Amino acid sequence: PTEVVFPLMPVSVKTPALPLVVAAAHPAVGGD
């Protein structure tokens, strides 16, 4: 039995016109 632990997982957006890497915060986290 092994619990899944998700690390920070930035997403590379495939828009070569402007390459992007996004690491989104949890939607419930307030901030700016």
PDB file of all heavy atoms in Angstrom:
ATOM      1  N   PRO A   1       0.828  -1.216   0.000  1.00  0.00           N
ATOM      2  CA  PRO A   1       0.000   0.000   0.000  1.00  0.00           C
ATOM      3  C   PRO A   1       0.857   1.258   0.000  1.00  0.00           C
ATOM      4  O   PRO A   1       1.706   1.438   0.881  1.00  0.00           O
ATOM      5  CB  PRO A   1      -0.822  -0.134   1.287  1.00  0.00           C
ATOM      6  CG  PRO A   1      -0.885  -1.615   1.537  1.00  0.00           C
ATOM      7  CD  PRO A   1       0.466  -2.136   1.092  1.00  0.00           C
ATOM      8  N   THR A   2       0.660   2.089  -0.999  1.00  0.00           N
ATOM      9  CA  THR A   2       1.505   3.271  -1.190  1.00  0.00           C
ATOM     10  C   THR A   2       0.635   4.489  -1.467  1.00  0.00           C
ATOM     11  O   THR A   2      -0.116   4.518  -2.444  1.00  0.00           O
ATOM     12  CB  THR A   2       2.484   3.062  -2.363  1.00  0.00           C
ATOM     13  OG1 THR A   2       3.276   1.892  -2.119  1.00  0.00           O
ATOM     14  CG2 THR A   2       3.384   4.269  -2.547  1.00  0.00           C
ATOM     15  N   GLU A   3       0.732   5.480  -0.607  1.00  0.00           N
ATOM     16  CA  GLU A   3      -0.029   6.708  -0.812  1.00  0.00           C
ATOM     17  C   GLU A   3       0.589   7.513  -1.955  1.00  0.00           C
ATOM     18  O   GLU A   3       1.809   7.575  -2.094  1.00  0.00           O
ATOM     19  CB  GLU A   3      -0.046   7.548   0.461  1.00  0.00           C
ATOM     20  CG  GLU A   3      -0.777   6.883   1.619  1.00  0.00           C
ATOM     21  CD  GLU A   3      -0.887   7.804   2.826  1.00  0.00           C
ATOM     22  OE1 GLU A   3      -0.467   8.976   2.723  1.00  0.00           O
ATOM     23  OE2 GLU A   3      -1.389   7.339   3.871  1.00  0.00           O
ATOM     24  N   VAL A   4      -0.265   8.112  -2.764  1.00  0.00           N
ATOM     25  CA  VAL A   4       0.243   8.973  -3.826  1.00  0.00           C
ATOM     26  C   VAL A   4       0.518  10.352  -3.244  1.00  0.00           C
ATOM     27  O   VAL A   4      -0.299  10.915  -2.526  1.00  0.00           O
ATOM     28  CB  VAL A   4      -0.735   9.063  -5.015  1.00  0.00           C
ATOM     29  CG1 VAL A   4      -2.078   9.657  -4.614  1.00  0.00           C
ATOM     30  CG2 VAL A   4      -0.130   9.883  -6.148  1.00  0.00           C
ATOM     31  N   VAL A   5       1.709  10.865  -3.515  1.00  0.00           N
ATOM     32  CA  VAL A   5       2.100  12.205  -3.070  1.00  0.00           C
ATOM     33  C   VAL A   5       2.483  12.991  -4.312  1.00  0.00           C
ATOM     34  O   VAL A   5       3.448  12.645  -5.005  1.00  0.00           O
ATOM     35  CB  VAL A   5       3.284  12.149  -2.090  1.00  0.00           C
ATOM     36  CG1 VAL A   5       3.689  13.562  -1.692  1.00  0.00           C
ATOM     37  CG2 VAL A   5       2.915  11.331  -0.856  1.00  0.00           C
ATOM     38  N   PHE A   6       1.726  14.016  -4.596  1.00  0.00           N
ATOM     39  CA  PHE A   6       1.985  14.801  -5.793  1.00  0.00           C
ATOM     40  C   PHE A   6       2.970  15.922  -5.495  1.00  0.00           C
ATOM     41  O   PHE A   6       2.716  16.760  -4.626  1.00  0.00           O
ATOM     42  CB  PHE A   6       0.690  15.403  -6.339  1.00  0.00           C
ATOM     43  CG  PHE A   6      -0.279  14.399  -6.876  1.00  0.00           C
ATOM     44  CD1 PHE A   6      -1.484  14.159  -6.238  1.00  0.00           C
ATOM     45  CD2 PHE A   6       0.021  13.690  -8.028  1.00  0.00           C
ATOM     46  CE1 PHE A   6      -2.386  13.229  -6.740  1.00  0.00           C
ATOM     47  CE2 PHE A   6      -0.868  12.753  -8.539  1.00  0.00           C
ATOM     48  CZ  PHE A   6      -2.072  12.522  -7.893  1.00  0.00           C
ATOM     49  N   PRO A   7       4.083  15.965  -6.196  1.00  0.00           N
ATOM     50  CA  PRO A   7       5.016  17.090  -6.041  1.00  0.00           C
ATOM     51  C   PRO A   7       4.478  18.300  -6.804  1.00  0.00           C
ATOM     52  O   PRO A   7       3.418  18.233  -7.443  1.00  0.00           O
ATOM     53  CB  PRO A   7       6.288  16.550  -6.699  1.00  0.00           C
ATOM     54  CG  PRO A   7       5.774  15.646  -7.784  1.00  0.00           C
ATOM     55  CD  PRO A   7       4.531  15.005  -7.220  1.00  0.00           C
ATOM     56  N   LEU A   8       5.191  19.391  -6.742  1.00  0.00           N
ATOM     57  CA  LEU A   8       4.849  20.522  -7.599  1.00  0.00           C
ATOM     58  C   LEU A   8       5.020  20.081  -9.047  1.00  0.00           C
ATOM     59  O   LEU A   8       6.049  19.510  -9.412  1.00  0.00           O
ATOM     60  CB  LEU A   8       5.772  21.710  -7.302  1.00  0.00           C
ATOM     61  CG  LEU A   8       5.460  22.997  -8.077  1.00  0.00           C
ATOM     62  CD1 LEU A   8       4.171  23.625  -7.559  1.00  0.00           C
ATOM     63  CD2 LEU A   8       6.618  23.983  -7.939  1.00  0.00           C
ATOM     64  N   MET A   9       4.007  20.316  -9.868  1.00  0.00           N
ATOM     65  CA  MET A   9       4.032  19.811 -11.242  1.00  0.00           C
ATOM     66  C   MET A   9       3.727  20.935 -12.237  1.00  0.00           C
ATOM     67  O   MET A   9       2.590  21.080 -12.706  1.00  0.00           O
ATOM     68  CB  MET A   9       3.015  18.674 -11.388  1.00  0.00           C
ATOM     69  CG  MET A   9       3.320  17.467 -10.533  1.00  0.00           C
ATOM     70  SD  MET A   9       2.005  16.218 -10.557  1.00  0.00           S
ATOM     71  CE  MET A   9       0.729  17.057  -9.599  1.00  0.00           C
ATOM     72  N   PRO A  10       4.729  21.764 -12.568  1.00  0.00           N
ATOM     73  CA  PRO A  10       4.503  22.825 -13.544  1.00  0.00           C
ATOM     74  C   PRO A  10       4.100  22.249 -14.904  1.00  0.00           C
ATOM     75  O   PRO A  10       4.564  21.177 -15.299  1.00  0.00           O
ATOM     76  CB  PRO A  10       5.867  23.522 -13.631  1.00  0.00           C
ATOM     77  CG  PRO A  10       6.570  23.145 -12.374  1.00  0.00           C
ATOM     78  CD  PRO A  10       6.105  21.764 -12.063  1.00  0.00           C
ATOM     79  N   VAL A  11       3.222  22.956 -15.590  1.00  0.00           N
ATOM     80  CA  VAL A  11       2.716  22.521 -16.890  1.00  0.00           C
ATOM     81  C   VAL A  11       3.325  23.392 -17.983  1.00  0.00           C
ATOM     82  O   VAL A  11       3.293  24.628 -17.895  1.00  0.00           O
ATOM     83  CB  VAL A  11       1.179  22.619 -16.943  1.00  0.00           C
ATOM     84  CG1 VAL A  11       0.663  22.285 -18.335  1.00  0.00           C
ATOM     85  CG2 VAL A  11       0.559  21.698 -15.896  1.00  0.00           C
ATOM     86  N   SER A  12       3.866  22.754 -19.013  1.00  0.00           N
ATOM     87  CA  SER A  12       4.361  23.488 -20.177  1.00  0.00           C
ATOM     88  C   SER A  12       3.229  23.626 -21.177  1.00  0.00           C
ATOM     89  O   SER A  12       2.681  22.631 -21.639  1.00  0.00           O
ATOM     90  CB  SER A  12       5.542  22.757 -20.816  1.00  0.00           C
ATOM     91  OG  SER A  12       6.641  22.705 -19.942  1.00  0.00           O
ATOM     92  N   VAL A  13       2.879  24.853 -21.491  1.00  0.00           N
ATOM     93  CA  VAL A  13       1.812  25.119 -22.457  1.00  0.00           C
ATOM     94  C   VAL A  13       2.429  25.143 -23.850  1.00  0.00           C
ATOM     95  O   VAL A  13       3.406  25.850 -24.099  1.00  0.00           O
ATOM     96  CB  VAL A  13       1.107  26.455 -22.157  1.00  0.00           C
ATOM     97  CG1 VAL A  13      -0.057  26.666 -23.124  1.00  0.00           C
ATOM     98  CG2 VAL A  13       0.598  26.477 -20.711  1.00  0.00           C
ATOM     99  N   LYS A  14       1.853  24.345 -24.761  1.00  0.00           N
ATOM    100  CA  LYS A  14       2.431  24.205 -26.105  1.00  0.00           C
ATOM    101  C   LYS A  14       1.937  25.328 -27.019  1.00  0.00           C
ATOM    102  O   LYS A  14       1.145  25.110 -27.941  1.00  0.00           O
ATOM    103  CB  LYS A  14       2.087  22.820 -26.670  1.00  0.00           C
ATOM    104  CG  LYS A  14       2.663  21.677 -25.843  1.00  0.00           C
ATOM    105  CD  LYS A  14       2.482  20.335 -26.503  1.00  0.00           C
ATOM    106  CE  LYS A  14       1.018  19.941 -26.648  1.00  0.00           C
ATOM    107  NZ  LYS A  14       0.366  19.803 -25.326  1.00  0.00           N
ATOM    108  N   THR A  15       2.424  26.523 -26.734  1.00  0.00           N
ATOM    109  CA  THR A  15       2.147  27.682 -27.582  1.00  0.00           C
ATOM    110  C   THR A  15       3.497  28.279 -27.979  1.00  0.00           C
ATOM    111  O   THR A  15       3.979  29.210 -27.325  1.00  0.00           O
ATOM    112  CB  THR A  15       1.293  28.722 -26.829  1.00  0.00           C
ATOM    113  OG1 THR A  15       1.868  28.934 -25.518  1.00  0.00           O
ATOM    114  CG2 THR A  15      -0.146  28.249 -26.689  1.00  0.00           C
ATOM    115  N   PRO A  16       4.131  27.750 -29.026  1.00  0.00           N
ATOM    116  CA  PRO A  16       5.464  28.223 -29.417  1.00  0.00           C
ATOM    117  C   PRO A  16       5.535  29.718 -29.690  1.00  0.00           C
ATOM    118  O   PRO A  16       6.616  30.313 -29.564  1.00  0.00           O
ATOM    119  CB  PRO A  16       5.756  27.420 -30.695  1.00  0.00           C
ATOM    120  CG  PRO A  16       4.892  26.202 -30.596  1.00  0.00           C
ATOM    121  CD  PRO A  16       3.650  26.638 -29.882  1.00  0.00           C
ATOM    122  N   ALA A  17       4.408  30.338 -30.042  1.00  0.00           N
ATOM    123  CA  ALA A  17       4.418  31.785 -30.252  1.00  0.00           C
ATOM    124  C   ALA A  17       4.803  32.517 -28.978  1.00  0.00           C
ATOM    125  O   ALA A  17       5.422  33.583 -29.020  1.00  0.00           O
ATOM    126  CB  ALA A  17       3.042  32.258 -30.729  1.00  0.00           C
ATOM    127  N   LEU A  18       4.454  31.939 -27.834  1.00  0.00           N
ATOM    128  CA  LEU A  18       4.894  32.429 -26.533  1.00  0.00           C
ATOM    129  C   LEU A  18       4.940  31.230 -25.591  1.00  0.00           C
ATOM    130  O   LEU A  18       3.943  30.855 -24.986  1.00  0.00           O
ATOM    131  CB  LEU A  18       3.943  33.491 -25.956  1.00  0.00           C
ATOM    132  CG  LEU A  18       4.383  34.053 -24.585  1.00  0.00           C
ATOM    133  CD1 LEU A  18       5.631  34.919 -24.739  1.00  0.00           C
ATOM    134  CD2 LEU A  18       3.266  34.819 -23.914  1.00  0.00           C
ATOM    135  N   PRO A  19       6.106  30.576 -25.460  1.00  0.00           N
ATOM    136  CA  PRO A  19       6.221  29.436 -24.547  1.00  0.00           C
ATOM    137  C   PRO A  19       5.834  29.845 -23.128  1.00  0.00           C
ATOM    138  O   PRO A  19       6.190  30.940 -22.669  1.00  0.00           O
ATOM    139  CB  PRO A  19       7.693  29.053 -24.642  1.00  0.00           C
ATOM    140  CG  PRO A  19       8.145  29.593 -25.973  1.00  0.00           C
ATOM    141  CD  PRO A  19       7.362  30.852 -26.173  1.00  0.00           C
ATOM    142  N   LEU A  20       5.117  28.968 -22.440  1.00  0.00           N
ATOM    143  CA  LEU A  20       4.650  29.253 -21.092  1.00  0.00           C
ATOM    144  C   LEU A  20       4.883  28.050 -20.191  1.00  0.00           C
ATOM    145  O   LEU A  20       4.743  26.907 -20.625  1.00  0.00           O
ATOM    146  CB  LEU A  20       3.152  29.579 -21.085  1.00  0.00           C
ATOM    147  CG  LEU A  20       2.696  30.883 -21.739  1.00  0.00           C
ATOM    148  CD1 LEU A  20       1.197  30.851 -21.967  1.00  0.00           C
ATOM    149  CD2 LEU A  20       3.066  32.067 -20.859  1.00  0.00           C
ATOM    150  N   VAL A  21       5.217  28.306 -18.945  1.00  0.00           N
ATOM    151  CA  VAL A  21       5.245  27.287 -17.896  1.00  0.00           C
ATOM    152  C   VAL A  21       4.367  27.801 -16.772  1.00  0.00           C
ATOM    153  O   VAL A  21       4.560  28.926 -16.286  1.00  0.00           O
ATOM    154  CB  VAL A  21       6.668  27.015 -17.383  1.00  0.00           C
ATOM    155  CG1 VAL A  21       6.618  26.084 -16.166  1.00  0.00           C
ATOM    156  CG2 VAL A  21       7.524  26.404 -18.480  1.00  0.00           C
ATOM    157  N   VAL A  22       3.401  26.973 -16.369  1.00  0.00           N
ATOM    158  CA  VAL A  22       2.427  27.392 -15.365  1.00  0.00           C
ATOM    159  C   VAL A  22       2.430  26.405 -14.202  1.00  0.00           C
ATOM    160  O   VAL A  22       2.282  25.197 -14.407  1.00  0.00           O
ATOM    161  CB  VAL A  22       1.004  27.464 -15.960  1.00  0.00           C
ATOM    162  CG1 VAL A  22      -0.003  27.892 -14.898  1.00  0.00           C
ATOM    163  CG2 VAL A  22       0.963  28.418 -17.149  1.00  0.00           C
ATOM    164  N   ALA A  23       2.591  26.921 -13.002  1.00  0.00           N
ATOM    165  CA  ALA A  23       2.412  26.130 -11.781  1.00  0.00           C
ATOM    166  C   ALA A  23       1.286  26.801 -11.012  1.00  0.00           C
ATOM    167  O   ALA A  23       1.491  27.835 -10.366  1.00  0.00           O
ATOM    168  CB  ALA A  23       3.691  26.088 -10.953  1.00  0.00           C
ATOM    169  N   ALA A  24       0.094  26.237 -11.135  1.00  0.00           N
ATOM    170  CA  ALA A  24      -1.084  26.877 -10.559  1.00  0.00           C
ATOM    171  C   ALA A  24      -1.222  26.545  -9.079  1.00  0.00           C
ATOM    172  O   ALA A  24      -0.987  25.408  -8.652  1.00  0.00           O
ATOM    173  CB  ALA A  24      -2.339  26.426 -11.308  1.00  0.00           C
ATOM    174  N   ALA A  25      -1.608  27.527  -8.305  1.00  0.00           N
ATOM    175  CA  ALA A  25      -1.918  27.292  -6.900  1.00  0.00           C
ATOM    176  C   ALA A  25      -3.271  26.604  -6.794  1.00  0.00           C
ATOM    177  O   ALA A  25      -4.076  26.635  -7.731  1.00  0.00           O
ATOM    178  CB  ALA A  25      -1.952  28.617  -6.151  1.00  0.00           C
ATOM    179  N   HIS A  26      -3.522  25.956  -5.678  1.00  0.00           N
ATOM    180  CA  HIS A  26      -4.835  25.350  -5.446  1.00  0.00           C
ATOM    181  C   HIS A  26      -5.893  26.445  -5.545  1.00  0.00           C
ATOM    182  O   HIS A  26      -5.702  27.559  -5.035  1.00  0.00           O
ATOM    183  CB  HIS A  26      -4.867  24.698  -4.066  1.00  0.00           C
ATOM    184  CG  HIS A  26      -6.069  23.848  -3.833  1.00  0.00           C
ATOM    185  ND1 HIS A  26      -7.327  24.382  -3.623  1.00  0.00           N
ATOM    186  CD2 HIS A  26      -6.224  22.497  -3.780  1.00  0.00           C
ATOM    187  CE1 HIS A  26      -8.197  23.405  -3.444  1.00  0.00           C
ATOM    188  NE2 HIS A  26      -7.552  22.254  -3.544  1.00  0.00           N
ATOM    189  N   PRO A  27      -7.024  26.166  -6.207  1.00  0.00           N
ATOM    190  CA  PRO A  27      -8.057  27.193  -6.388  1.00  0.00           C
ATOM    191  C   PRO A  27      -8.555  27.804  -5.075  1.00  0.00           C
ATOM    192  O   PRO A  27      -9.041  28.934  -5.056  1.00  0.00           O
ATOM    193  CB  PRO A  27      -9.180  26.425  -7.096  1.00  0.00           C
ATOM    194  CG  PRO A  27      -8.493  25.306  -7.791  1.00  0.00           C
ATOM    195  CD  PRO A  27      -7.359  24.911  -6.908  1.00  0.00           C
ATOM    196  N   ALA A  28      -8.442  27.047  -3.976  1.00  0.00           N
ATOM    197  CA  ALA A  28      -8.938  27.555  -2.694  1.00  0.00           C
ATOM    198  C   ALA A  28      -7.957  28.510  -2.019  1.00  0.00           C
ATOM    199  O   ALA A  28      -8.306  29.148  -1.019  1.00  0.00           O
ATOM    200  CB  ALA A  28      -9.239  26.388  -1.757  1.00  0.00           C
ATOM    201  N   VAL A  29      -6.751  28.592  -2.544  1.00  0.00           N
ATOM    202  CA  VAL A  29      -5.728  29.460  -1.944  1.00  0.00           C
ATOM    203  C   VAL A  29      -5.949  30.897  -2.401  1.00  0.00           C
ATOM    204  O   VAL A  29      -5.940  31.198  -3.589  1.00  0.00           O
ATOM    205  CB  VAL A  29      -4.306  29.000  -2.333  1.00  0.00           C
ATOM    206  CG1 VAL A  29      -3.266  29.999  -1.824  1.00  0.00           C
ATOM    207  CG2 VAL A  29      -4.021  27.616  -1.772  1.00  0.00           C
ATOM    208  N   GLY A  30      -6.153  31.780  -1.449  1.00  0.00           N
ATOM    209  CA  GLY A  30      -6.307  33.189  -1.781  1.00  0.00           C
ATOM    210  C   GLY A  30      -4.950  33.856  -1.900  1.00  0.00           C
ATOM    211  O   GLY A  30      -3.992  33.473  -1.223  1.00  0.00           O
ATOM    212  N   GLY A  31      -4.861  34.835  -2.765  1.00  0.00           N
ATOM    213  CA  GLY A  31      -3.592  35.533  -2.924  1.00  0.00           C
ATOM    214  C   GLY A  31      -3.615  36.439  -4.136  1.00  0.00           C
ATOM    215  O   GLY A  31      -4.673  36.709  -4.718  1.00  0.00           O
ATOM    216  N   ASP A  32      -2.433  36.884  -4.537  1.00  0.00           N
ATOM    217  CA  ASP A  32      -2.318  37.827  -5.649  1.00  0.00           C
ATOM    218  C   ASP A  32      -1.105  37.495  -6.505  1.00  0.00           C
ATOM    219  O   ASP A  32      -0.119  36.926  -6.026  1.00  0.00           O
ATOM    220  CB  ASP A  32      -2.171  39.262  -5.120  1.00  0.00           C
ATOM    221  CG  ASP A  32      -3.382  39.708  -4.328  1.00  0.00           C
ATOM    222  OD1 ASP A  32      -4.440  39.909  -4.932  1.00  0.00           O
ATOM    223  OD2 ASP A  32      -3.251  39.842  -3.089  1.00  0.00           O
TER     224      ASP A  32
END
